[in-house]
Amino acid sequence: MDRLAPHLVLLDVRMPGLDGIEVARRLHSTHPETLVVLISIEDSIDIPSAAQLGDTVPLVRKQDLGPRLLKRLWHEHGP
């Protein structure tokens, strides 16, 4: 991550091993300038462990993910 220095990272909530929520937490704490967006296929995005991230890491449904939503998230949360 340090070498690549991305401006935007999309993470699936459900990943094998370390889940996306924990990765997002770590990324946000070490690289607060990077916009991290969690995505989930689940209709109900009521994931208790995501609550600890507050508004710092947006959580969106994969079905809603697209250029317009990414542009809005960038304007609201990007550097």
PDB file of N, CA and C in Angstrom:
ATOM      1  N   MET A   1       0.835  -1.193   0.000  1.00  0.00           N
ATOM      2  CA  MET A   1       0.000   0.000   0.000  1.00  0.00           C
ATOM      3  C   MET A   1       0.878   1.255   0.000  1.00  0.00           C
ATOM      4  N   ASP A   2       1.917   1.262   0.810  1.00  0.00           N
ATOM      5  CA  ASP A   2       2.782   2.446   0.866  1.00  0.00           C
ATOM      6  C   ASP A   2       3.417   2.745  -0.485  1.00  0.00           C
ATOM      7  N   ARG A   3       3.815   1.702  -1.166  1.00  0.00           N
ATOM      8  CA  ARG A   3       4.475   1.884  -2.457  1.00  0.00           C
ATOM      9  C   ARG A   3       3.498   2.339  -3.533  1.00  0.00           C
ATOM     10  N   LEU A   4       2.267   1.825  -3.496  1.00  0.00           N
ATOM     11  CA  LEU A   4       1.285   2.145  -4.532  1.00  0.00           C
ATOM     12  C   LEU A   4       0.590   3.479  -4.296  1.00  0.00           C
ATOM     13  N   ALA A   5       0.283   3.809  -3.050  1.00  0.00           N
ATOM     14  CA  ALA A   5      -0.377   5.060  -2.666  1.00  0.00           C
ATOM     15  C   ALA A   5      -1.657   5.339  -3.462  1.00  0.00           C
ATOM     16  N   PRO A   6      -2.638   4.409  -3.459  1.00  0.00           N
ATOM     17  CA  PRO A   6      -3.887   4.658  -4.192  1.00  0.00           C
ATOM     18  C   PRO A   6      -4.727   5.745  -3.529  1.00  0.00           C
ATOM     19  N   HIS A   7      -5.525   6.407  -4.321  1.00  0.00           N
ATOM     20  CA  HIS A   7      -6.447   7.423  -3.811  1.00  0.00           C
ATOM     21  C   HIS A   7      -7.772   6.798  -3.398  1.00  0.00           C
ATOM     22  N   LEU A   8      -8.108   5.644  -3.994  1.00  0.00           N
ATOM     23  CA  LEU A   8      -9.382   4.977  -3.754  1.00  0.00           C
ATOM     24  C   LEU A   8      -9.163   3.467  -3.662  1.00  0.00           C
ATOM     25  N   VAL A   9      -9.759   2.843  -2.630  1.00  0.00           N
ATOM     26  CA  VAL A   9      -9.692   1.392  -2.463  1.00  0.00           C
ATOM     27  C   VAL A   9     -11.113   0.878  -2.262  1.00  0.00           C
ATOM     28  N   LEU A  10     -11.526  -0.091  -3.088  1.00  0.00           N
ATOM     29  CA  LEU A  10     -12.824  -0.748  -2.935  1.00  0.00           C
ATOM     30  C   LEU A  10     -12.585  -2.101  -2.293  1.00  0.00           C
ATOM     31  N   LEU A  11     -13.306  -2.375  -1.197  1.00  0.00           N
ATOM     32  CA  LEU A  11     -13.134  -3.630  -0.467  1.00  0.00           C
ATOM     33  C   LEU A  11     -14.464  -4.331  -0.292  1.00  0.00           C
ATOM     34  N   ASP A  12     -14.483  -5.614  -0.582  1.00  0.00           N
ATOM     35  CA  ASP A  12     -15.670  -6.410  -0.302  1.00  0.00           C
ATOM     36  C   ASP A  12     -15.716  -6.675   1.197  1.00  0.00           C
ATOM     37  N   VAL A  13     -16.896  -6.591   1.786  1.00  0.00           N
ATOM     38  CA  VAL A  13     -17.057  -6.851   3.211  1.00  0.00           C
ATOM     39  C   VAL A  13     -16.650  -8.280   3.538  1.00  0.00           C
ATOM     40  N   ARG A  14     -17.069  -9.214   2.713  1.00  0.00           N
ATOM     41  CA  ARG A  14     -16.801 -10.641   2.948  1.00  0.00           C
ATOM     42  C   ARG A  14     -15.614 -11.091   2.108  1.00  0.00           C
ATOM     43  N   MET A  15     -14.497 -11.293   2.763  1.00  0.00           N
ATOM     44  CA  MET A  15     -13.307 -11.804   2.092  1.00  0.00           C
ATOM     45  C   MET A  15     -12.761 -12.959   2.926  1.00  0.00           C
ATOM     46  N   PRO A  16     -12.107 -13.916   2.285  1.00  0.00           N
ATOM     47  CA  PRO A  16     -11.524 -15.007   3.061  1.00  0.00           C
ATOM     48  C   PRO A  16     -10.375 -14.488   3.930  1.00  0.00           C
ATOM     49  N   GLY A  17     -10.225 -15.088   5.091  1.00  0.00           N
ATOM     50  CA  GLY A  17      -9.167 -14.646   5.998  1.00  0.00           C
ATOM     51  C   GLY A  17      -9.564 -13.360   6.693  1.00  0.00           C
ATOM     52  N   LEU A  18      -8.822 -12.319   6.463  1.00  0.00           N
ATOM     53  CA  LEU A  18      -9.102 -11.014   7.055  1.00  0.00           C
ATOM     54  C   LEU A  18     -10.265 -10.380   6.313  1.00  0.00           C
ATOM     55  N   ASP A  19     -11.351 -10.046   7.014  1.00  0.00           N
ATOM     56  CA  ASP A  19     -12.517  -9.489   6.317  1.00  0.00           C
ATOM     57  C   ASP A  19     -12.289  -8.038   5.917  1.00  0.00           C
ATOM     58  N   GLY A  20     -13.116  -7.567   5.000  1.00  0.00           N
ATOM     59  CA  GLY A  20     -12.971  -6.217   4.468  1.00  0.00           C
ATOM     60  C   GLY A  20     -13.101  -5.129   5.512  1.00  0.00           C
ATOM     61  N   ILE A  21     -13.884  -5.374   6.540  1.00  0.00           N
ATOM     62  CA  ILE A  21     -14.066  -4.366   7.579  1.00  0.00           C
ATOM     63  C   ILE A  21     -12.769  -4.151   8.351  1.00  0.00           C
ATOM     64  N   GLU A  22     -12.088  -5.236   8.679  1.00  0.00           N
ATOM     65  CA  GLU A  22     -10.816  -5.114   9.388  1.00  0.00           C
ATOM     66  C   GLU A  22      -9.752  -4.482   8.494  1.00  0.00           C
ATOM     67  N   VAL A  23      -9.719  -4.864   7.219  1.00  0.00           N
ATOM     68  CA  VAL A  23      -8.772  -4.254   6.287  1.00  0.00           C
ATOM     69  C   VAL A  23      -9.056  -2.756   6.168  1.00  0.00           C
ATOM     70  N   ALA A  24     -10.327  -2.389   6.069  1.00  0.00           N
ATOM     71  CA  ALA A  24     -10.706  -0.969   5.972  1.00  0.00           C
ATOM     72  C   ALA A  24     -10.270  -0.209   7.217  1.00  0.00           C
ATOM     73  N   ARG A  25     -10.466  -0.813   8.376  1.00  0.00           N
ATOM     74  CA  ARG A  25     -10.064  -0.169   9.630  1.00  0.00           C
ATOM     75  C   ARG A  25      -8.561   0.091   9.632  1.00  0.00           C
ATOM     76  N   ARG A  26      -7.804  -0.909   9.235  1.00  0.00           N
ATOM     77  CA  ARG A  26      -6.341  -0.768   9.219  1.00  0.00           C
ATOM     78  C   ARG A  26      -5.882   0.250   8.177  1.00  0.00           C
ATOM     79  N   LEU A  27      -6.468   0.185   6.991  1.00  0.00           N
ATOM     80  CA  LEU A  27      -6.102   1.146   5.948  1.00  0.00           C
ATOM     81  C   LEU A  27      -6.411   2.574   6.373  1.00  0.00           C
ATOM     82  N   HIS A  28      -7.589   2.758   6.941  1.00  0.00           N
ATOM     83  CA  HIS A  28      -7.978   4.113   7.351  1.00  0.00           C
ATOM     84  C   HIS A  28      -7.063   4.647   8.454  1.00  0.00           C
ATOM     85  N   SER A  29      -6.646   3.775   9.361  1.00  0.00           N
ATOM     86  CA  SER A  29      -5.784   4.249  10.450  1.00  0.00           C
ATOM     87  C   SER A  29      -4.367   4.552   9.972  1.00  0.00           C
ATOM     88  N   THR A  30      -3.876   3.809   8.969  1.00  0.00           N
ATOM     89  CA  THR A  30      -2.512   4.042   8.493  1.00  0.00           C
ATOM     90  C   THR A  30      -2.430   4.976   7.290  1.00  0.00           C
ATOM     91  N   HIS A  31      -3.528   5.102   6.539  1.00  0.00           N
ATOM     92  CA  HIS A  31      -3.560   5.946   5.340  1.00  0.00           C
ATOM     93  C   HIS A  31      -4.871   6.738   5.296  1.00  0.00           C
ATOM     94  N   PRO A  32      -5.057   7.675   6.210  1.00  0.00           N
ATOM     95  CA  PRO A  32      -6.328   8.415   6.273  1.00  0.00           C
ATOM     96  C   PRO A  32      -6.625   9.242   5.024  1.00  0.00           C
ATOM     97  N   GLU A  33      -5.621   9.490   4.204  1.00  0.00           N
ATOM     98  CA  GLU A  33      -5.826  10.265   2.978  1.00  0.00           C
ATOM     99  C   GLU A  33      -6.452   9.432   1.855  1.00  0.00           C
ATOM    100  N   THR A  34      -6.473   8.107   2.014  1.00  0.00           N
ATOM    101  CA  THR A  34      -7.031   7.209   1.008  1.00  0.00           C
ATOM    102  C   THR A  34      -8.517   6.989   1.271  1.00  0.00           C
ATOM    103  N   LEU A  35      -9.331   7.154   0.242  1.00  0.00           N
ATOM    104  CA  LEU A  35     -10.759   6.875   0.367  1.00  0.00           C
ATOM    105  C   LEU A  35     -10.972   5.369   0.273  1.00  0.00           C
ATOM    106  N   VAL A  36     -11.452   4.769   1.352  1.00  0.00           N
ATOM    107  CA  VAL A  36     -11.741   3.342   1.400  1.00  0.00           C
ATOM    108  C   VAL A  36     -13.258   3.188   1.375  1.00  0.00           C
ATOM    109  N   VAL A  37     -13.766   2.370   0.457  1.00  0.00           N
ATOM    110  CA  VAL A  37     -15.199   2.124   0.323  1.00  0.00           C
ATOM    111  C   VAL A  37     -15.443   0.628   0.489  1.00  0.00           C
ATOM    112  N   LEU A  38     -16.302   0.271   1.438  1.00  0.00           N
ATOM    113  CA  LEU A  38     -16.699  -1.122   1.625  1.00  0.00           C
ATOM    114  C   LEU A  38     -17.910  -1.412   0.759  1.00  0.00           C
ATOM    115  N   ILE A  39     -17.917  -2.581   0.111  1.00  0.00           N
ATOM    116  CA  ILE A  39     -19.063  -2.970  -0.701  1.00  0.00           C
ATOM    117  C   ILE A  39     -19.571  -4.331  -0.247  1.00  0.00           C
ATOM    118  N   SER A  40     -20.880  -4.533  -0.403  1.00  0.00           N
ATOM    119  CA  SER A  40     -21.504  -5.786   0.019  1.00  0.00           C
ATOM    120  C   SER A  40     -22.637  -6.142  -0.925  1.00  0.00           C
ATOM    121  N   ILE A  41     -22.798  -7.417  -1.189  1.00  0.00           N
ATOM    122  CA  ILE A  41     -23.888  -7.907  -2.036  1.00  0.00           C
ATOM    123  C   ILE A  41     -25.189  -7.972  -1.245  1.00  0.00           C
ATOM    124  N   GLU A  42     -25.086  -7.998   0.066  1.00  0.00           N
ATOM    125  CA  GLU A  42     -26.252  -8.145   0.932  1.00  0.00           C
ATOM    126  C   GLU A  42     -27.160  -6.929   0.853  1.00  0.00           C
ATOM    127  N   ASP A  43     -28.466  -7.187   0.803  1.00  0.00           N
ATOM    128  CA  ASP A  43     -29.428  -6.080   0.776  1.00  0.00           C
ATOM    129  C   ASP A  43     -29.396  -5.290   2.071  1.00  0.00           C
ATOM    130  N   SER A  44     -29.273  -6.002   3.158  1.00  0.00           N
ATOM    131  CA  SER A  44     -29.231  -5.343   4.464  1.00  0.00           C
ATOM    132  C   SER A  44     -27.781  -5.106   4.843  1.00  0.00           C
ATOM    133  N   ILE A  45     -27.385  -3.871   4.816  1.00  0.00           N
ATOM    134  CA  ILE A  45     -26.017  -3.545   5.190  1.00  0.00           C
ATOM    135  C   ILE A  45     -26.010  -3.128   6.659  1.00  0.00           C
ATOM    136  N   ASP A  46     -26.420  -4.046   7.497  1.00  0.00           N
ATOM    137  CA  ASP A  46     -26.432  -3.814   8.934  1.00  0.00           C
ATOM    138  C   ASP A  46     -25.368  -4.708   9.543  1.00  0.00           C
ATOM    139  N   ILE A  47     -24.143  -4.316   9.382  1.00  0.00           N
ATOM    140  CA  ILE A  47     -23.016  -5.114   9.844  1.00  0.00           C
ATOM    141  C   ILE A  47     -22.442  -4.431  11.086  1.00  0.00           C
ATOM    142  N   PRO A  48     -22.670  -5.031  12.261  1.00  0.00           N
ATOM    143  CA  PRO A  48     -22.252  -4.393  13.510  1.00  0.00           C
ATOM    144  C   PRO A  48     -20.793  -3.963  13.543  1.00  0.00           C
ATOM    145  N   SER A  49     -19.894  -4.782  13.030  1.00  0.00           N
ATOM    146  CA  SER A  49     -18.478  -4.419  13.106  1.00  0.00           C
ATOM    147  C   SER A  49     -18.142  -3.233  12.207  1.00  0.00           C
ATOM    148  N   ALA A  50     -18.999  -2.944  11.223  1.00  0.00           N
ATOM    149  CA  ALA A  50     -18.776  -1.781  10.366  1.00  0.00           C
ATOM    150  C   ALA A  50     -19.130  -0.491  11.090  1.00  0.00           C
ATOM    151  N   ALA A  51     -19.957  -0.595  12.114  1.00  0.00           N
ATOM    152  CA  ALA A  51     -20.370   0.598  12.860  1.00  0.00           C
ATOM    153  C   ALA A  51     -19.183   1.292  13.509  1.00  0.00           C
ATOM    154  N   GLN A  52     -18.161   0.524  13.866  1.00  0.00           N
ATOM    155  CA  GLN A  52     -16.988   1.121  14.500  1.00  0.00           C
ATOM    156  C   GLN A  52     -16.249   2.079  13.568  1.00  0.00           C
ATOM    157  N   LEU A  53     -16.472   1.950  12.268  1.00  0.00           N
ATOM    158  CA  LEU A  53     -15.823   2.825  11.299  1.00  0.00           C
ATOM    159  C   LEU A  53     -16.544   4.161  11.164  1.00  0.00           C
ATOM    160  N   GLY A  54     -17.778   4.223  11.623  1.00  0.00           N
ATOM    161  CA  GLY A  54     -18.556   5.454  11.531  1.00  0.00           C
ATOM    162  C   GLY A  54     -18.730   5.901  10.092  1.00  0.00           C
ATOM    163  N   ASP A  55     -18.645   7.191   9.868  1.00  0.00           N
ATOM    164  CA  ASP A  55     -18.812   7.753   8.524  1.00  0.00           C
ATOM    165  C   ASP A  55     -17.494   7.846   7.766  1.00  0.00           C
ATOM    166  N   THR A  56     -16.412   7.391   8.375  1.00  0.00           N
ATOM    167  CA  THR A  56     -15.112   7.533   7.728  1.00  0.00           C
ATOM    168  C   THR A  56     -14.933   6.591   6.550  1.00  0.00           C
ATOM    169  N   VAL A  57     -15.622   5.439   6.586  1.00  0.00           N
ATOM    170  CA  VAL A  57     -15.536   4.460   5.502  1.00  0.00           C
ATOM    171  C   VAL A  57     -16.949   4.175   5.007  1.00  0.00           C
ATOM    172  N   PRO A  58     -17.313   4.690   3.837  1.00  0.00           N
ATOM    173  CA  PRO A  58     -18.654   4.438   3.309  1.00  0.00           C
ATOM    174  C   PRO A  58     -18.880   2.946   3.051  1.00  0.00           C
ATOM    175  N   LEU A  59     -20.100   2.503   3.267  1.00  0.00           N
ATOM    176  CA  LEU A  59     -20.508   1.121   3.046  1.00  0.00           C
ATOM    177  C   LEU A  59     -21.677   1.135   2.078  1.00  0.00           C
ATOM    178  N   VAL A  60     -21.501   0.517   0.892  1.00  0.00           N
ATOM    179  CA  VAL A  60     -22.537   0.547  -0.142  1.00  0.00           C
ATOM    180  C   VAL A  60     -22.829  -0.858  -0.661  1.00  0.00           C
ATOM    181  N   ARG A  61     -24.010  -1.015  -1.232  1.00  0.00           N
ATOM    182  CA  ARG A  61     -24.384  -2.296  -1.841  1.00  0.00           C
ATOM    183  C   ARG A  61     -23.746  -2.400  -3.225  1.00  0.00           C
ATOM    184  N   LYS A  62     -23.285  -3.603  -3.567  1.00  0.00           N
ATOM    185  CA  LYS A  62     -22.680  -3.811  -4.891  1.00  0.00           C
ATOM    186  C   LYS A  62     -23.655  -3.442  -5.996  1.00  0.00           C
ATOM    187  N   GLN A  63     -24.947  -3.707  -5.765  1.00  0.00           N
ATOM    188  CA  GLN A  63     -25.965  -3.411  -6.770  1.00  0.00           C
ATOM    189  C   GLN A  63     -26.038  -1.917  -7.066  1.00  0.00           C
ATOM    190  N   ASP A  64     -25.661  -1.091  -6.114  1.00  0.00           N
ATOM    191  CA  ASP A  64     -25.744   0.361  -6.278  1.00  0.00           C
ATOM    192  C   ASP A  64     -24.440   0.972  -6.784  1.00  0.00           C
ATOM    193  N   LEU A  65     -23.376   0.186  -6.784  1.00  0.00           N
ATOM    194  CA  LEU A  65     -22.061   0.693  -7.144  1.00  0.00           C
ATOM    195  C   LEU A  65     -21.989   0.990  -8.643  1.00  0.00           C
ATOM    196  N   GLY A  66     -21.551   2.161  -8.964  1.00  0.00           N
ATOM    197  CA  GLY A  66     -21.407   2.577 -10.352  1.00  0.00           C
ATOM    198  C   GLY A  66     -20.677   3.902 -10.408  1.00  0.00           C
ATOM    199  N   PRO A  67     -20.422   4.412 -11.599  1.00  0.00           N
ATOM    200  CA  PRO A  67     -19.669   5.660 -11.747  1.00  0.00           C
ATOM    201  C   PRO A  67     -20.269   6.848 -10.997  1.00  0.00           C
ATOM    202  N   ARG A  68     -21.603   6.995 -11.044  1.00  0.00           N
ATOM    203  CA  ARG A  68     -22.224   8.137 -10.350  1.00  0.00           C
ATOM    204  C   ARG A  68     -22.029   8.068  -8.847  1.00  0.00           C
ATOM    205  N   LEU A  69     -22.235   6.864  -8.293  1.00  0.00           N
ATOM    206  CA  LEU A  69     -22.076   6.700  -6.850  1.00  0.00           C
ATOM    207  C   LEU A  69     -20.620   6.915  -6.445  1.00  0.00           C
ATOM    208  N   LEU A  70     -19.687   6.385  -7.212  1.00  0.00           N
ATOM    209  CA  LEU A  70     -18.271   6.589  -6.902  1.00  0.00           C
ATOM    210  C   LEU A  70     -17.899   8.068  -6.972  1.00  0.00           C
ATOM    211  N   LYS A  71     -18.433   8.756  -7.956  1.00  0.00           N
ATOM    212  CA  LYS A  71     -18.159  10.193  -8.084  1.00  0.00           C
ATOM    213  C   LYS A  71     -18.703  10.944  -6.869  1.00  0.00           C
ATOM    214  N   ARG A  72     -19.931  10.593  -6.440  1.00  0.00           N
ATOM    215  CA  ARG A  72     -20.523  11.242  -5.261  1.00  0.00           C
ATOM    216  C   ARG A  72     -19.687  10.953  -4.014  1.00  0.00           C
ATOM    217  N   LEU A  73     -19.288   9.692  -3.843  1.00  0.00           N
ATOM    218  CA  LEU A  73     -18.475   9.327  -2.674  1.00  0.00           C
ATOM    219  C   LEU A  73     -17.150  10.073  -2.689  1.00  0.00           C
ATOM    220  N   TRP A  74     -16.568  10.211  -3.875  1.00  0.00           N
ATOM    221  CA  TRP A  74     -15.292  10.940  -3.990  1.00  0.00           C
ATOM    222  C   TRP A  74     -15.465  12.398  -3.554  1.00  0.00           C
ATOM    223  N   HIS A  75     -16.556  13.027  -3.997  1.00  0.00           N
ATOM    224  CA  HIS A  75     -16.790  14.424  -3.626  1.00  0.00           C
ATOM    225  C   HIS A  75     -17.087  14.574  -2.142  1.00  0.00           C
ATOM    226  N   GLU A  76     -17.770  13.580  -1.557  1.00  0.00           N
ATOM    227  CA  GLU A  76     -18.120  13.662  -0.139  1.00  0.00           C
ATOM    228  C   GLU A  76     -16.975  13.263   0.789  1.00  0.00           C
ATOM    229  N   HIS A  77     -16.154  12.292   0.380  1.00  0.00           N
ATOM    230  CA  HIS A  77     -15.167  11.725   1.286  1.00  0.00           C
ATOM    231  C   HIS A  77     -13.731  11.799   0.788  1.00  0.00           C
ATOM    232  N   GLY A  78     -13.533  12.122  -0.474  1.00  0.00           N
ATOM    233  CA  GLY A  78     -12.185  12.104  -1.039  1.00  0.00           C
ATOM    234  C   GLY A  78     -11.323  13.241  -0.537  1.00  0.00           C
ATOM    235  N   PRO A  79     -10.045  13.155  -0.883  1.00  0.00           N
ATOM    236  CA  PRO A  79      -9.105  14.198  -0.429  1.00  0.00           C
ATOM    237  C   PRO A  79      -9.364  15.547  -1.065  1.00  0.00           C
TER     238      PRO A  79
END
